[in-house]
């Protein structure tokens, strides 16, 4: 029969970096706190775990005037047929492209 119970992991942050945090799990303390914890490694080593990477910073957006010149250049050169293609290419709404160009 399996039993479910909450665990308090003995974790400490070793270092924080741009790719996430590096954590240390102390299996010796874990086994001392929970003697019936069968999955603890018998060698009591330290395992490193990376957390999710931090949120990416937004790129600095170009001003409306810069966006307008880019959009007009694409339309004039014929690289795109209409405003809808510009919106798809830059990942913005069609309404935004229309607003910038007007």
PDB file of N, CA and C in Angstrom:
ATOM      1  N   UNK A   1       0.839  -1.184   0.000  1.00  0.00           N
ATOM      2  CA  UNK A   1       0.000   0.000   0.000  1.00  0.00           C
ATOM      3  C   UNK A   1       0.880   1.241   0.000  1.00  0.00           C
ATOM      4  N   UNK A   2       0.574   2.162  -0.876  1.00  0.00           N
ATOM      5  CA  UNK A   2       1.339   3.388  -0.960  1.00  0.00           C
ATOM      6  C   UNK A   2       0.747   4.444  -0.048  1.00  0.00           C
ATOM      7  N   UNK A   3       1.630   5.230   0.530  1.00  0.00           N
ATOM      8  CA  UNK A   3       1.188   6.331   1.369  1.00  0.00           C
ATOM      9  C   UNK A   3       1.717   7.620   0.774  1.00  0.00           C
ATOM     10  N   UNK A   4       0.873   8.601   0.724  1.00  0.00           N
ATOM     11  CA  UNK A   4       1.282   9.908   0.227  1.00  0.00           C
ATOM     12  C   UNK A   4       1.389  10.864   1.405  1.00  0.00           C
ATOM     13  N   UNK A   5       2.499  11.565   1.484  1.00  0.00           N
ATOM     14  CA  UNK A   5       2.672  12.553   2.535  1.00  0.00           C
ATOM     15  C   UNK A   5       3.531  13.690   1.979  1.00  0.00           C
ATOM     16  N   UNK A   6       3.324  14.888   2.500  1.00  0.00           N
ATOM     17  CA  UNK A   6       4.098  16.030   1.983  1.00  0.00           C
ATOM     18  C   UNK A   6       5.551  15.963   2.443  1.00  0.00           C
ATOM     19  N   UNK A   7       6.436  16.372   1.561  1.00  0.00           N
ATOM     20  CA  UNK A   7       7.863  16.403   1.875  1.00  0.00           C
ATOM     21  C   UNK A   7       8.355  17.838   1.915  1.00  0.00           C
ATOM     22  N   UNK A   8       9.235  18.122   2.842  1.00  0.00           N
ATOM     23  CA  UNK A   8       9.934  19.399   2.826  1.00  0.00           C
ATOM     24  C   UNK A   8      11.362  19.089   2.415  1.00  0.00           C
ATOM     25  N   UNK A   9      11.682  19.431   1.179  1.00  0.00           N
ATOM     26  CA  UNK A   9      13.001  19.110   0.635  1.00  0.00           C
ATOM     27  C   UNK A   9      14.046  20.049   1.203  1.00  0.00           C
ATOM     28  N   UNK A  10      15.163  19.512   1.657  1.00  0.00           N
ATOM     29  CA  UNK A  10      16.267  20.372   2.115  1.00  0.00           C
ATOM     30  C   UNK A  10      17.041  20.912   0.909  1.00  0.00           C
ATOM     31  N   UNK A  11      16.563  22.012   0.377  1.00  0.00           N
ATOM     32  CA  UNK A  11      17.128  22.600  -0.833  1.00  0.00           C
ATOM     33  C   UNK A  11      17.723  23.961  -0.489  1.00  0.00           C
ATOM     34  N   UNK A  12      18.843  24.269  -1.131  1.00  0.00           N
ATOM     35  CA  UNK A  12      19.423  25.594  -0.966  1.00  0.00           C
ATOM     36  C   UNK A  12      19.933  26.057  -2.321  1.00  0.00           C
ATOM     37  N   UNK A  13      19.810  27.362  -2.572  1.00  0.00           N
ATOM     38  CA  UNK A  13      20.247  27.929  -3.840  1.00  0.00           C
ATOM     39  C   UNK A  13      21.753  28.142  -3.785  1.00  0.00           C
ATOM     40  N   UNK A  14      22.462  27.555  -4.752  1.00  0.00           N
ATOM     41  CA  UNK A  14      23.909  27.736  -4.809  1.00  0.00           C
ATOM     42  C   UNK A  14      24.285  28.990  -5.577  1.00  0.00           C
ATOM     43  N   UNK A  15      23.719  29.144  -6.768  1.00  0.00           N
ATOM     44  CA  UNK A  15      23.998  30.349  -7.539  1.00  0.00           C
ATOM     45  C   UNK A  15      22.841  30.646  -8.476  1.00  0.00           C
ATOM     46  N   UNK A  16      22.708  31.911  -8.785  1.00  0.00           N
ATOM     47  CA  UNK A  16      21.669  32.349  -9.695  1.00  0.00           C
ATOM     48  C   UNK A  16      22.338  32.859 -10.956  1.00  0.00           C
ATOM     49  N   UNK A  17      21.855  32.426 -12.085  1.00  0.00           N
ATOM     50  CA  UNK A  17      22.459  32.825 -13.346  1.00  0.00           C
ATOM     51  C   UNK A  17      21.424  33.116 -14.397  1.00  0.00           C
ATOM     52  N   UNK A  18      21.871  33.501 -15.577  1.00  0.00           N
ATOM     53  CA  UNK A  18      20.936  33.847 -16.640  1.00  0.00           C
ATOM     54  C   UNK A  18      20.168  32.643 -17.172  1.00  0.00           C
ATOM     55  N   UNK A  19      20.688  31.438 -16.967  1.00  0.00           N
ATOM     56  CA  UNK A  19      20.004  30.240 -17.455  1.00  0.00           C
ATOM     57  C   UNK A  19      19.177  29.576 -16.364  1.00  0.00           C
ATOM     58  N   UNK A  20      19.059  30.191 -15.218  1.00  0.00           N
ATOM     59  CA  UNK A  20      18.268  29.630 -14.129  1.00  0.00           C
ATOM     60  C   UNK A  20      19.087  29.535 -12.859  1.00  0.00           C
ATOM     61  N   UNK A  21      18.457  29.032 -11.823  1.00  0.00           N
ATOM     62  CA  UNK A  21      19.122  28.884 -10.536  1.00  0.00           C
ATOM     63  C   UNK A  21      19.670  27.478 -10.393  1.00  0.00           C
ATOM     64  N   UNK A  22      20.751  27.354  -9.644  1.00  0.00           N
ATOM     65  CA  UNK A  22      21.330  26.046  -9.381  1.00  0.00           C
ATOM     66  C   UNK A  22      21.045  25.712  -7.919  1.00  0.00           C
ATOM     67  N   UNK A  23      20.354  24.591  -7.702  1.00  0.00           N
ATOM     68  CA  UNK A  23      19.952  24.194  -6.366  1.00  0.00           C
ATOM     69  C   UNK A  23      20.752  22.982  -5.905  1.00  0.00           C
ATOM     70  N   UNK A  24      20.904  22.860  -4.597  1.00  0.00           N
ATOM     71  CA  UNK A  24      21.565  21.700  -4.011  1.00  0.00           C
ATOM     72  C   UNK A  24      20.550  20.990  -3.118  1.00  0.00           C
ATOM     73  N   UNK A  25      20.373  19.699  -3.357  1.00  0.00           N
ATOM     74  CA  UNK A  25      19.493  18.885  -2.514  1.00  0.00           C
ATOM     75  C   UNK A  25      20.381  18.042  -1.614  1.00  0.00           C
ATOM     76  N   UNK A  26      20.195  18.171  -0.312  1.00  0.00           N
ATOM     77  CA  UNK A  26      21.014  17.420   0.641  1.00  0.00           C
ATOM     78  C   UNK A  26      20.267  16.138   1.020  1.00  0.00           C
ATOM     79  N   UNK A  27      20.678  15.030   0.410  1.00  0.00           N
ATOM     80  CA  UNK A  27      19.996  13.759   0.640  1.00  0.00           C
ATOM     81  C   UNK A  27      20.222  13.218   2.049  1.00  0.00           C
ATOM     82  N   UNK A  28      21.331  13.565   2.677  1.00  0.00           N
ATOM     83  CA  UNK A  28      21.575  13.117   4.055  1.00  0.00           C
ATOM     84  C   UNK A  28      20.521  13.703   4.993  1.00  0.00           C
ATOM     85  N   UNK A  29      20.279  14.995   4.891  1.00  0.00           N
ATOM     86  CA  UNK A  29      19.253  15.633   5.719  1.00  0.00           C
ATOM     87  C   UNK A  29      17.871  15.083   5.382  1.00  0.00           C
ATOM     88  N   UNK A  30      17.642  14.810   4.105  1.00  0.00           N
ATOM     89  CA  UNK A  30      16.354  14.266   3.689  1.00  0.00           C
ATOM     90  C   UNK A  30      16.107  12.913   4.341  1.00  0.00           C
ATOM     91  N   UNK A  31      17.123  12.058   4.337  1.00  0.00           N
ATOM     92  CA  UNK A  31      16.972  10.728   4.929  1.00  0.00           C
ATOM     93  C   UNK A  31      16.871  10.808   6.449  1.00  0.00           C
ATOM     94  N   UNK A  32      17.552  11.779   7.063  1.00  0.00           N
ATOM     95  CA  UNK A  32      17.434  11.944   8.514  1.00  0.00           C
ATOM     96  C   UNK A  32      16.026  12.402   8.891  1.00  0.00           C
ATOM     97  N   UNK A  33      15.454  13.273   8.079  1.00  0.00           N
ATOM     98  CA  UNK A  33      14.108  13.776   8.372  1.00  0.00           C
ATOM     99  C   UNK A  33      13.032  12.740   8.079  1.00  0.00           C
ATOM    100  N   UNK A  34      13.244  11.956   7.008  1.00  0.00           N
ATOM    101  CA  UNK A  34      12.263  10.963   6.581  1.00  0.00           C
ATOM    102  C   UNK A  34      12.970   9.605   6.435  1.00  0.00           C
ATOM    103  N   UNK A  35      13.085   8.842   7.514  1.00  0.00           N
ATOM    104  CA  UNK A  35      13.833   7.582   7.441  1.00  0.00           C
ATOM    105  C   UNK A  35      13.202   6.551   6.508  1.00  0.00           C
ATOM    106  N   UNK A  36      11.934   6.664   6.201  1.00  0.00           N
ATOM    107  CA  UNK A  36      11.272   5.704   5.320  1.00  0.00           C
ATOM    108  C   UNK A  36      11.318   6.127   3.853  1.00  0.00           C
ATOM    109  N   UNK A  37      12.097   7.119   3.569  1.00  0.00           N
ATOM    110  CA  UNK A  37      12.207   7.600   2.202  1.00  0.00           C
ATOM    111  C   UNK A  37      13.128   6.660   1.438  1.00  0.00           C
ATOM    112  N   UNK A  38      12.537   5.718   0.704  1.00  0.00           N
ATOM    113  CA  UNK A  38      13.299   4.656   0.051  1.00  0.00           C
ATOM    114  C   UNK A  38      14.046   5.110  -1.197  1.00  0.00           C
ATOM    115  N   UNK A  39      13.610   6.215  -1.806  1.00  0.00           N
ATOM    116  CA  UNK A  39      14.222   6.618  -3.068  1.00  0.00           C
ATOM    117  C   UNK A  39      15.488   7.453  -2.887  1.00  0.00           C
ATOM    118  N   UNK A  40      15.868   7.739  -1.644  1.00  0.00           N
ATOM    119  CA  UNK A  40      17.090   8.523  -1.422  1.00  0.00           C
ATOM    120  C   UNK A  40      18.296   7.679  -1.805  1.00  0.00           C
ATOM    121  N   UNK A  41      19.224   8.294  -2.456  1.00  0.00           N
ATOM    122  CA  UNK A  41      20.420   7.595  -2.902  1.00  0.00           C
ATOM    123  C   UNK A  41      21.257   7.180  -1.690  1.00  0.00           C
ATOM    124  N   UNK A  42      21.777   5.988  -1.700  1.00  0.00           N
ATOM    125  CA  UNK A  42      22.527   5.480  -0.563  1.00  0.00           C
ATOM    126  C   UNK A  42      23.900   6.148  -0.420  1.00  0.00           C
ATOM    127  N   UNK A  43      24.403   6.756  -1.483  1.00  0.00           N
ATOM    128  CA  UNK A  43      25.709   7.411  -1.413  1.00  0.00           C
ATOM    129  C   UNK A  43      25.601   8.830  -0.848  1.00  0.00           C
ATOM    130  N   UNK A  44      24.411   9.358  -0.732  1.00  0.00           N
ATOM    131  CA  UNK A  44      24.174  10.686  -0.177  1.00  0.00           C
ATOM    132  C   UNK A  44      24.976  11.755  -0.909  1.00  0.00           C
ATOM    133  N   UNK A  45      24.792  11.815  -2.185  1.00  0.00           N
ATOM    134  CA  UNK A  45      25.510  12.813  -2.957  1.00  0.00           C
ATOM    135  C   UNK A  45      24.637  14.045  -3.161  1.00  0.00           C
ATOM    136  N   UNK A  46      25.239  15.066  -3.708  1.00  0.00           N
ATOM    137  CA  UNK A  46      24.529  16.298  -3.998  1.00  0.00           C
ATOM    138  C   UNK A  46      24.096  16.294  -5.453  1.00  0.00           C
ATOM    139  N   UNK A  47      22.852  16.625  -5.681  1.00  0.00           N
ATOM    140  CA  UNK A  47      22.328  16.657  -7.039  1.00  0.00           C
ATOM    141  C   UNK A  47      21.989  18.103  -7.390  1.00  0.00           C
ATOM    142  N   UNK A  48      22.364  18.523  -8.592  1.00  0.00           N
ATOM    143  CA  UNK A  48      22.090  19.874  -9.027  1.00  0.00           C
ATOM    144  C   UNK A  48      20.863  19.879  -9.931  1.00  0.00           C
ATOM    145  N   UNK A  49      19.990  20.827  -9.672  1.00  0.00           N
ATOM    146  CA  UNK A  49      18.743  20.930 -10.412  1.00  0.00           C
ATOM    147  C   UNK A  49      18.619  22.355 -10.910  1.00  0.00           C
ATOM    148  N   UNK A  50      18.293  22.515 -12.178  1.00  0.00           N
ATOM    149  CA  UNK A  50      18.077  23.853 -12.730  1.00  0.00           C
ATOM    150  C   UNK A  50      16.598  24.173 -12.736  1.00  0.00           C
ATOM    151  N   UNK A  51      16.286  25.376 -12.331  1.00  0.00           N
ATOM    152  CA  UNK A  51      14.899  25.815 -12.378  1.00  0.00           C
ATOM    153  C   UNK A  51      14.599  26.333 -13.775  1.00  0.00           C
ATOM    154  N   UNK A  52      13.390  26.758 -13.977  1.00  0.00           N
ATOM    155  CA  UNK A  52      13.026  27.352 -15.258  1.00  0.00           C
ATOM    156  C   UNK A  52      13.831  28.619 -15.451  1.00  0.00           C
ATOM    157  N   UNK A  53      14.168  28.881 -16.684  1.00  0.00           N
ATOM    158  CA  UNK A  53      14.936  30.086 -16.961  1.00  0.00           C
ATOM    159  C   UNK A  53      14.063  31.310 -16.676  1.00  0.00           C
ATOM    160  N   UNK A  54      14.670  32.387 -16.253  1.00  0.00           N
ATOM    161  CA  UNK A  54      13.889  33.580 -15.947  1.00  0.00           C
ATOM    162  C   UNK A  54      13.231  34.134 -17.211  1.00  0.00           C
ATOM    163  N   UNK A  55      12.228  34.941 -17.001  1.00  0.00           N
ATOM    164  CA  UNK A  55      11.512  35.513 -18.133  1.00  0.00           C
ATOM    165  C   UNK A  55      12.466  36.348 -18.976  1.00  0.00           C
ATOM    166  N   UNK A  56      12.325  36.211 -20.262  1.00  0.00           N
ATOM    167  CA  UNK A  56      13.176  36.966 -21.163  1.00  0.00           C
ATOM    168  C   UNK A  56      12.738  38.425 -21.163  1.00  0.00           C
ATOM    169  N   UNK A  57      13.728  39.281 -21.227  1.00  0.00           N
ATOM    170  CA  UNK A  57      13.418  40.698 -21.288  1.00  0.00           C
ATOM    171  C   UNK A  57      12.882  41.033 -22.672  1.00  0.00           C
ATOM    172  N   UNK A  58      11.934  41.955 -22.699  1.00  0.00           N
ATOM    173  CA  UNK A  58      11.384  42.368 -23.979  1.00  0.00           C
ATOM    174  C   UNK A  58      12.432  43.164 -24.737  1.00  0.00           C
ATOM    175  N   UNK A  59      12.465  42.927 -26.028  1.00  0.00           N
ATOM    176  CA  UNK A  59      13.369  43.705 -26.861  1.00  0.00           C
ATOM    177  C   UNK A  59      12.862  45.137 -26.927  1.00  0.00           C
ATOM    178  N   UNK A  60      13.807  46.046 -27.050  1.00  0.00           N
ATOM    179  CA  UNK A  60      13.412  47.439 -27.162  1.00  0.00           C
ATOM    180  C   UNK A  60      12.662  47.627 -28.471  1.00  0.00           C
ATOM    181  N   UNK A  61      11.426  48.081 -28.358  1.00  0.00           N
ATOM    182  CA  UNK A  61      10.603  48.233 -29.547  1.00  0.00           C
ATOM    183  C   UNK A  61      10.967  49.509 -30.289  1.00  0.00           C
ATOM    184  N   UNK A  62      10.808  49.433 -31.574  1.00  0.00           N
ATOM    185  CA  UNK A  62      11.087  50.594 -32.404  1.00  0.00           C
ATOM    186  C   UNK A  62       9.927  51.571 -32.292  1.00  0.00           C
ATOM    187  N   UNK A  63      10.233  52.823 -32.505  1.00  0.00           N
ATOM    188  CA  UNK A  63       9.189  53.838 -32.436  1.00  0.00           C
ATOM    189  C   UNK A  63       8.232  53.663 -33.617  1.00  0.00           C
ATOM    190  N   UNK A  64       7.095  54.323 -33.516  1.00  0.00           N
ATOM    191  CA  UNK A  64       6.104  54.218 -34.596  1.00  0.00           C
ATOM    192  C   UNK A  64       6.661  54.746 -35.907  1.00  0.00           C
ATOM    193  N   UNK A  65       7.460  55.799 -35.825  1.00  0.00           N
ATOM    194  CA  UNK A  65       8.037  56.371 -37.052  1.00  0.00           C
ATOM    195  C   UNK A  65       8.973  55.371 -37.720  1.00  0.00           C
ATOM    196  N   UNK A  66       9.782  54.670 -36.908  1.00  0.00           N
ATOM    197  CA  UNK A  66      10.682  53.654 -37.461  1.00  0.00           C
ATOM    198  C   UNK A  66       9.894  52.491 -38.051  1.00  0.00           C
ATOM    199  N   UNK A  67       8.845  52.061 -37.326  1.00  0.00           N
ATOM    200  CA  UNK A  67       8.003  50.979 -37.830  1.00  0.00           C
ATOM    201  C   UNK A  67       7.331  51.396 -39.135  1.00  0.00           C
ATOM    202  N   UNK A  68       6.862  52.618 -39.178  1.00  0.00           N
ATOM    203  CA  UNK A  68       6.176  53.096 -40.379  1.00  0.00           C
ATOM    204  C   UNK A  68       7.108  53.068 -41.583  1.00  0.00           C
ATOM    205  N   UNK A  69       8.351  53.520 -41.384  1.00  0.00           N
ATOM    206  CA  UNK A  69       9.292  53.532 -42.515  1.00  0.00           C
ATOM    207  C   UNK A  69       9.600  52.107 -42.977  1.00  0.00           C
ATOM    208  N   UNK A  70       9.718  51.181 -42.065  1.00  0.00           N
ATOM    209  CA  UNK A  70       9.968  49.777 -42.428  1.00  0.00           C
ATOM    210  C   UNK A  70       8.782  49.210 -43.199  1.00  0.00           C
ATOM    211  N   UNK A  71       7.570  49.441 -42.676  1.00  0.00           N
ATOM    212  CA  UNK A  71       6.366  48.915 -43.330  1.00  0.00           C
ATOM    213  C   UNK A  71       6.199  49.506 -44.732  1.00  0.00           C
ATOM    214  N   UNK A  72       6.409  50.831 -44.857  1.00  0.00           N
ATOM    215  CA  UNK A  72       6.264  51.473 -46.166  1.00  0.00           C
ATOM    216  C   UNK A  72       7.309  50.961 -47.153  1.00  0.00           C
ATOM    217  N   UNK A  73       8.518  50.749 -46.665  1.00  0.00           N
ATOM    218  CA  UNK A  73       9.582  50.233 -47.528  1.00  0.00           C
ATOM    219  C   UNK A  73       9.235  48.841 -48.053  1.00  0.00           C
ATOM    220  N   UNK A  74       8.671  47.996 -47.189  1.00  0.00           N
ATOM    221  CA  UNK A  74       8.275  46.654 -47.618  1.00  0.00           C
ATOM    222  C   UNK A  74       7.153  46.711 -48.655  1.00  0.00           C
ATOM    223  N   UNK A  75       6.196  47.595 -48.427  1.00  0.00           N
ATOM    224  CA  UNK A  75       5.085  47.717 -49.373  1.00  0.00           C
ATOM    225  C   UNK A  75       5.552  48.279 -50.714  1.00  0.00           C
ATOM    226  N   UNK A  76       6.409  49.293 -50.672  1.00  0.00           N
ATOM    227  CA  UNK A  76       6.886  49.924 -51.910  1.00  0.00           C
ATOM    228  C   UNK A  76       7.776  48.998 -52.731  1.00  0.00           C
ATOM    229  N   UNK A  77       8.589  48.200 -52.035  1.00  0.00           N
ATOM    230  CA  UNK A  77       9.507  47.316 -52.756  1.00  0.00           C
ATOM    231  C   UNK A  77       8.792  46.103 -53.344  1.00  0.00           C
ATOM    232  N   UNK A  78       7.597  45.809 -52.857  1.00  0.00           N
ATOM    233  CA  UNK A  78       6.844  44.673 -53.372  1.00  0.00           C
ATOM    234  C   UNK A  78       7.184  43.355 -52.676  1.00  0.00           C
ATOM    235  N   UNK A  79       7.935  43.421 -51.572  1.00  0.00           N
ATOM    236  CA  UNK A  79       8.274  42.190 -50.840  1.00  0.00           C
ATOM    237  C   UNK A  79       7.042  41.595 -50.162  1.00  0.00           C
ATOM    238  N   UNK A  80       6.103  42.463 -49.814  1.00  0.00           N
ATOM    239  CA  UNK A  80       4.820  42.003 -49.270  1.00  0.00           C
ATOM    240  C   UNK A  80       3.708  42.622 -50.107  1.00  0.00           C
ATOM    241  N   UNK A  81       2.597  41.915 -50.178  1.00  0.00           N
ATOM    242  CA  UNK A  81       1.502  42.385 -51.028  1.00  0.00           C
ATOM    243  C   UNK A  81       0.606  43.399 -50.324  1.00  0.00           C
ATOM    244  N   UNK A  82       0.368  43.149 -49.021  1.00  0.00           N
ATOM    245  CA  UNK A  82      -0.568  44.022 -48.321  1.00  0.00           C
ATOM    246  C   UNK A  82      -0.230  44.093 -46.829  1.00  0.00           C
ATOM    247  N   UNK A  83      -1.028  44.845 -46.100  1.00  0.00           N
ATOM    248  CA  UNK A  83      -0.797  45.042 -44.666  1.00  0.00           C
ATOM    249  C   UNK A  83      -0.963  43.743 -43.878  1.00  0.00           C
ATOM    250  N   UNK A  84      -1.809  42.865 -44.375  1.00  0.00           N
ATOM    251  CA  UNK A  84      -2.031  41.586 -43.698  1.00  0.00           C
ATOM    252  C   UNK A  84      -0.738  40.766 -43.638  1.00  0.00           C
ATOM    253  N   UNK A  85       0.021  40.763 -44.710  1.00  0.00           N
ATOM    254  CA  UNK A  85       1.284  40.018 -44.733  1.00  0.00           C
ATOM    255  C   UNK A  85       2.307  40.639 -43.796  1.00  0.00           C
ATOM    256  N   UNK A  86       2.304  41.958 -43.700  1.00  0.00           N
ATOM    257  CA  UNK A  86       3.205  42.637 -42.759  1.00  0.00           C
ATOM    258  C   UNK A  86       2.873  42.215 -41.328  1.00  0.00           C
ATOM    259  N   UNK A  87       1.582  42.194 -41.021  1.00  0.00           N
ATOM    260  CA  UNK A  87       1.150  41.815 -39.675  1.00  0.00           C
ATOM    261  C   UNK A  87       1.598  40.398 -39.344  1.00  0.00           C
ATOM    262  N   UNK A  88       1.460  39.481 -40.285  1.00  0.00           N
ATOM    263  CA  UNK A  88       1.900  38.096 -40.058  1.00  0.00           C
ATOM    264  C   UNK A  88       3.410  38.014 -39.898  1.00  0.00           C
ATOM    265  N   UNK A  89       4.119  38.768 -40.702  1.00  0.00           N
ATOM    266  CA  UNK A  89       5.586  38.717 -40.683  1.00  0.00           C
ATOM    267  C   UNK A  89       6.154  39.223 -39.355  1.00  0.00           C
ATOM    268  N   UNK A  90       5.583  40.286 -38.820  1.00  0.00           N
ATOM    269  CA  UNK A  90       6.098  40.879 -37.589  1.00  0.00           C
ATOM    270  C   UNK A  90       5.365  40.420 -36.334  1.00  0.00           C
ATOM    271  N   UNK A  91       4.335  39.607 -36.480  1.00  0.00           N
ATOM    272  CA  UNK A  91       3.615  39.078 -35.324  1.00  0.00           C
ATOM    273  C   UNK A  91       2.800  40.126 -34.588  1.00  0.00           C
ATOM    274  N   UNK A  92       2.232  41.048 -35.326  1.00  0.00           N
ATOM    275  CA  UNK A  92       1.370  42.069 -34.735  1.00  0.00           C
ATOM    276  C   UNK A  92       0.000  41.974 -35.388  1.00  0.00           C
ATOM    277  N   UNK A  93      -0.949  42.730 -34.861  1.00  0.00           N
ATOM    278  CA  UNK A  93      -2.295  42.669 -35.433  1.00  0.00           C
ATOM    279  C   UNK A  93      -2.380  43.554 -36.682  1.00  0.00           C
ATOM    280  N   UNK A  94      -3.364  43.233 -37.531  1.00  0.00           N
ATOM    281  CA  UNK A  94      -3.586  44.037 -38.737  1.00  0.00           C
ATOM    282  C   UNK A  94      -3.985  45.457 -38.367  1.00  0.00           C
ATOM    283  N   UNK A  95      -4.718  45.583 -37.261  1.00  0.00           N
ATOM    284  CA  UNK A  95      -5.149  46.905 -36.812  1.00  0.00           C
ATOM    285  C   UNK A  95      -3.935  47.767 -36.433  1.00  0.00           C
ATOM    286  N   UNK A  96      -2.928  47.143 -35.815  1.00  0.00           N
ATOM    287  CA  UNK A  96      -1.731  47.883 -35.428  1.00  0.00           C
ATOM    288  C   UNK A  96      -0.977  48.385 -36.666  1.00  0.00           C
ATOM    289  N   UNK A  97      -0.859  47.539 -37.675  1.00  0.00           N
ATOM    290  CA  UNK A  97      -0.165  47.939 -38.910  1.00  0.00           C
ATOM    291  C   UNK A  97      -0.920  49.104 -39.540  1.00  0.00           C
ATOM    292  N   UNK A  98      -2.223  49.014 -39.585  1.00  0.00           N
ATOM    293  CA  UNK A  98      -3.045  50.088 -40.166  1.00  0.00           C
ATOM    294  C   UNK A  98      -2.871  51.381 -39.375  1.00  0.00           C
ATOM    295  N   UNK A  99      -2.836  51.267 -38.055  1.00  0.00           N
ATOM    296  CA  UNK A  99      -2.690  52.447 -37.199  1.00  0.00           C
ATOM    297  C   UNK A  99      -1.325  53.105 -37.399  1.00  0.00           C
ATOM    298  N   UNK A 100      -0.267  52.306 -37.530  1.00  0.00           N
ATOM    299  CA  UNK A 100       1.071  52.851 -37.721  1.00  0.00           C
ATOM    300  C   UNK A 100       1.183  53.534 -39.074  1.00  0.00           C
ATOM    301  N   UNK A 101       0.595  52.935 -40.091  1.00  0.00           N
ATOM    302  CA  UNK A 101       0.705  53.500 -41.439  1.00  0.00           C
ATOM    303  C   UNK A 101      -0.179  54.721 -41.662  1.00  0.00           C
ATOM    304  N   UNK A 102      -1.193  54.912 -40.830  1.00  0.00           N
ATOM    305  CA  UNK A 102      -2.088  56.062 -41.046  1.00  0.00           C
ATOM    306  C   UNK A 102      -1.562  57.313 -40.345  1.00  0.00           C
TER     307      UNK A 102
END
